[in-house]
Amino acid sequence: MLLDALVWILSDSDRARRLLALTGLEPDDLRHRAGDTVTLVAIGRFLADHERDLVACAAALDSAPSALVMATQTLAGAPDGDYE
């Protein structure tokens, strides 16, 4: 699900630039680390911190925003759903 979210993020150049700027990832790093847990968690957090994108991404993926947040929390191994 979070890999699909990454594809959605990268489909818009402004959103993609914002992801790279906020995560500190370089395009080559992102290509090589896209499936890594740490990268996927960063993607989920990026969306969770931008509600408008979270809702739009969830709709594009035919999912609920809470499912994206839960996937992030699960990958992050956060107890009780707290991933901060």
C-alpha atoms as a PDB file:
ATOM      1  CA  MET A   1       0.000   0.000   0.000  1.00  0.00           C
ATOM      2  CA  LEU A   2       2.764   2.473   0.887  1.00  0.00           C
ATOM      3  CA  LEU A   3       4.658   1.584  -2.274  1.00  0.00           C
ATOM      4  CA  ASP A   4       1.497   2.425  -4.222  1.00  0.00           C
ATOM      5  CA  ALA A   5       1.335   5.663  -2.238  1.00  0.00           C
ATOM      6  CA  LEU A   6       4.875   6.453  -3.363  1.00  0.00           C
ATOM      7  CA  VAL A   7       3.865   5.970  -6.992  1.00  0.00           C
ATOM      8  CA  TRP A   8       0.956   8.356  -6.390  1.00  0.00           C
ATOM      9  CA  ILE A   9       3.234  10.942  -4.753  1.00  0.00           C
ATOM     10  CA  LEU A  10       5.709  10.767  -7.619  1.00  0.00           C
ATOM     11  CA  SER A  11       2.962  11.265 -10.206  1.00  0.00           C
ATOM     12  CA  ASP A  12       2.980  14.982  -9.353  1.00  0.00           C
ATOM     13  CA  SER A  13       6.269  16.853  -9.696  1.00  0.00           C
ATOM     14  CA  ASP A  14       5.519  19.423  -6.970  1.00  0.00           C
ATOM     15  CA  ARG A  15       4.534  16.716  -4.520  1.00  0.00           C
ATOM     16  CA  ALA A  16       7.586  14.656  -5.468  1.00  0.00           C
ATOM     17  CA  ARG A  17       9.898  17.622  -4.894  1.00  0.00           C
ATOM     18  CA  ARG A  18       8.274  18.259  -1.512  1.00  0.00           C
ATOM     19  CA  LEU A  19       8.764  14.603  -0.529  1.00  0.00           C
ATOM     20  CA  LEU A  20      12.437  14.749  -1.440  1.00  0.00           C
ATOM     21  CA  ALA A  21      12.930  18.067   0.342  1.00  0.00           C
ATOM     22  CA  LEU A  22      11.217  16.969   3.536  1.00  0.00           C
ATOM     23  CA  THR A  23      12.729  13.488   3.733  1.00  0.00           C
ATOM     24  CA  GLY A  24      16.210  14.470   2.604  1.00  0.00           C
ATOM     25  CA  LEU A  25      16.214  11.650   0.080  1.00  0.00           C
ATOM     26  CA  GLU A  26      17.865  12.062  -3.297  1.00  0.00           C
ATOM     27  CA  PRO A  27      16.159  10.582  -6.375  1.00  0.00           C
ATOM     28  CA  ASP A  28      18.757   7.795  -6.687  1.00  0.00           C
ATOM     29  CA  ASP A  29      18.423   6.952  -2.991  1.00  0.00           C
ATOM     30  CA  LEU A  30      14.676   6.779  -3.349  1.00  0.00           C
ATOM     31  CA  ARG A  31      14.955   4.447  -6.341  1.00  0.00           C
ATOM     32  CA  HIS A  32      17.280   2.096  -4.462  1.00  0.00           C
ATOM     33  CA  ARG A  33      15.510   2.270  -1.102  1.00  0.00           C
ATOM     34  CA  ALA A  34      11.844   2.467  -2.143  1.00  0.00           C
ATOM     35  CA  GLY A  35      11.005  -0.884  -0.566  1.00  0.00           C
ATOM     36  CA  ASP A  36      12.970  -0.350   2.653  1.00  0.00           C
ATOM     37  CA  THR A  37      10.928  -0.118   5.822  1.00  0.00           C
ATOM     38  CA  VAL A  38      12.486   3.197   6.836  1.00  0.00           C
ATOM     39  CA  THR A  39      11.670   4.715   3.448  1.00  0.00           C
ATOM     40  CA  LEU A  40       8.119   3.391   3.471  1.00  0.00           C
ATOM     41  CA  VAL A  41       7.572   4.787   6.959  1.00  0.00           C
ATOM     42  CA  ALA A  42       8.893   8.165   5.753  1.00  0.00           C
ATOM     43  CA  ILE A  43       6.413   8.042   2.877  1.00  0.00           C
ATOM     44  CA  GLY A  44       3.540   7.277   5.235  1.00  0.00           C
ATOM     45  CA  ARG A  45       4.556  10.046   7.601  1.00  0.00           C
ATOM     46  CA  PHE A  46       4.878  12.467   4.703  1.00  0.00           C
ATOM     47  CA  LEU A  47       1.254  11.758   3.818  1.00  0.00           C
ATOM     48  CA  ALA A  48       0.037  11.789   7.413  1.00  0.00           C
ATOM     49  CA  ASP A  49       1.578  15.234   7.883  1.00  0.00           C
ATOM     50  CA  HIS A  50      -0.295  16.584   4.840  1.00  0.00           C
ATOM     51  CA  GLU A  51      -3.950  15.717   5.345  1.00  0.00           C
ATOM     52  CA  ARG A  52      -5.002  16.950   1.923  1.00  0.00           C
ATOM     53  CA  ASP A  53      -2.488  14.624   0.246  1.00  0.00           C
ATOM     54  CA  LEU A  54      -3.367  11.779   2.602  1.00  0.00           C
ATOM     55  CA  VAL A  55      -7.050  11.997   1.688  1.00  0.00           C
ATOM     56  CA  ALA A  56      -6.336  12.382  -2.034  1.00  0.00           C
ATOM     57  CA  CYS A  57      -3.876   9.485  -2.043  1.00  0.00           C
ATOM     58  CA  ALA A  58      -6.272   7.226  -0.163  1.00  0.00           C
ATOM     59  CA  ALA A  59      -9.024   8.042  -2.655  1.00  0.00           C
ATOM     60  CA  ALA A  60      -6.706   7.311  -5.584  1.00  0.00           C
ATOM     61  CA  LEU A  61      -5.800   3.972  -4.018  1.00  0.00           C
ATOM     62  CA  ASP A  62      -9.460   3.215  -3.226  1.00  0.00           C
ATOM     63  CA  SER A  63      -8.599   3.024   0.444  1.00  0.00           C
ATOM     64  CA  ALA A  64      -9.289   4.882   3.659  1.00  0.00           C
ATOM     65  CA  PRO A  65      -6.824   7.472   4.931  1.00  0.00           C
ATOM     66  CA  SER A  66      -6.731   5.567   8.206  1.00  0.00           C
ATOM     67  CA  ALA A  67      -5.489   2.477   6.349  1.00  0.00           C
ATOM     68  CA  LEU A  68      -2.438   4.399   5.126  1.00  0.00           C
ATOM     69  CA  VAL A  69      -1.784   5.727   8.614  1.00  0.00           C
ATOM     70  CA  MET A  70      -2.217   2.244  10.097  1.00  0.00           C
ATOM     71  CA  ALA A  71       0.171   0.739   7.544  1.00  0.00           C
ATOM     72  CA  THR A  72       2.744   3.352   8.527  1.00  0.00           C
ATOM     73  CA  GLN A  73       2.233   2.689  12.218  1.00  0.00           C
ATOM     74  CA  THR A  74       2.536  -1.051  11.708  1.00  0.00           C
ATOM     75  CA  LEU A  75       5.771  -0.735   9.754  1.00  0.00           C
ATOM     76  CA  ALA A  76       7.175   1.694  12.292  1.00  0.00           C
ATOM     77  CA  GLY A  77       6.419  -0.813  15.041  1.00  0.00           C
ATOM     78  CA  ALA A  78       4.761   1.861  17.112  1.00  0.00           C
ATOM     79  CA  PRO A  79       2.866   0.754  20.189  1.00  0.00           C
ATOM     80  CA  ASP A  80      -0.778   1.808  20.407  1.00  0.00           C
ATOM     81  CA  GLY A  81      -0.688   3.508  17.038  1.00  0.00           C
ATOM     82  CA  ASP A  82       1.681   6.291  18.102  1.00  0.00           C
ATOM     83  CA  TYR A  83       4.344   6.676  15.429  1.00  0.00           C
ATOM     84  CA  GLU A  84       5.754  10.064  16.325  1.00  0.00           C
END
